[in-house]
C-alpha cells in the first residue's frame, strides 16, 4: 500500500492565507489542527492519502528537499535562501506577499555603494544577503539572527539588517527605514523532485489543483 503524502505547511504569517488555498485545492485539516492548545505537529486531513505537518517556514524547505515531506508551501525567500537542488517550485500561489529588504537607522545617510568594500549585516538570510552585496563588489559579513533583527543597529551589533518587510510598521517602531529591496516575496508550492518522478500519479493532480486554486482565487 502506498504511504500517504506528507504536506508541509509553515507556521506564522503565511498560514492564514494558505488554509483557504488548501481548501480550494480540496485539502482540509482535521479539527485538532485549529485547536490552539494542541501541541501536535502532524494532522490528518479530509483525504486519507494526505497528512499535514506544521513546522517553521525554514524547516518546510528542509523537510521537502530531503523527502521527509513530498510537497509543501513556503515563501520564495526560503526557496531562494536554501537553493536546494531537490526542490521544484511549480506554482506561485500569489499569497504571503512581502519583500526582502535592507534597513538602516533613520537619519543615517546611506553610503555610496561604489565606495564600500565591506558591510556588516544582521540577518537570517546570509546566502541572499551575501549574493546581493557580492553582485555589487561588496563583501558582506553576516551576523546570523533568527529574530529581533530590528534590535541589532541600536545595540551596535550591525548597522544594517536584511529582513522581510510588509507594512514597514515594525521598522518604523524601531527607528529603522527601508533602503533597498533585495527581492519581492510570495508563497510557492514546492515539491520534492524525486517524489515528483516516483509518485507523479499522486503529485501531478495536486499541483494542477493548486494551479486552478490560484486561478479561481479572485472568484472565491
Foldseek 3Di string as FASTA:
>chain_A
DDAAAEEEEEPPDQVVVVQVLCVLLPWAWDPVVPVPPDPDQKTDIPDNRYIYGYYHQLVNCVCQQVVVGFKYKHKVLSCVLVVRPQKDFDDFLPAPKWFWFKKFAPPDDDDDLLPAAEFEEEEQRVPLVQVVSVVSNHGYHYDYDDDPRLCCCVVVNGRMYIDIGHPCVVQVVSRMDTDGTSGIMGMTMMGGNVCCVVVVVPVVSSVVSSVVSSVCVVVD
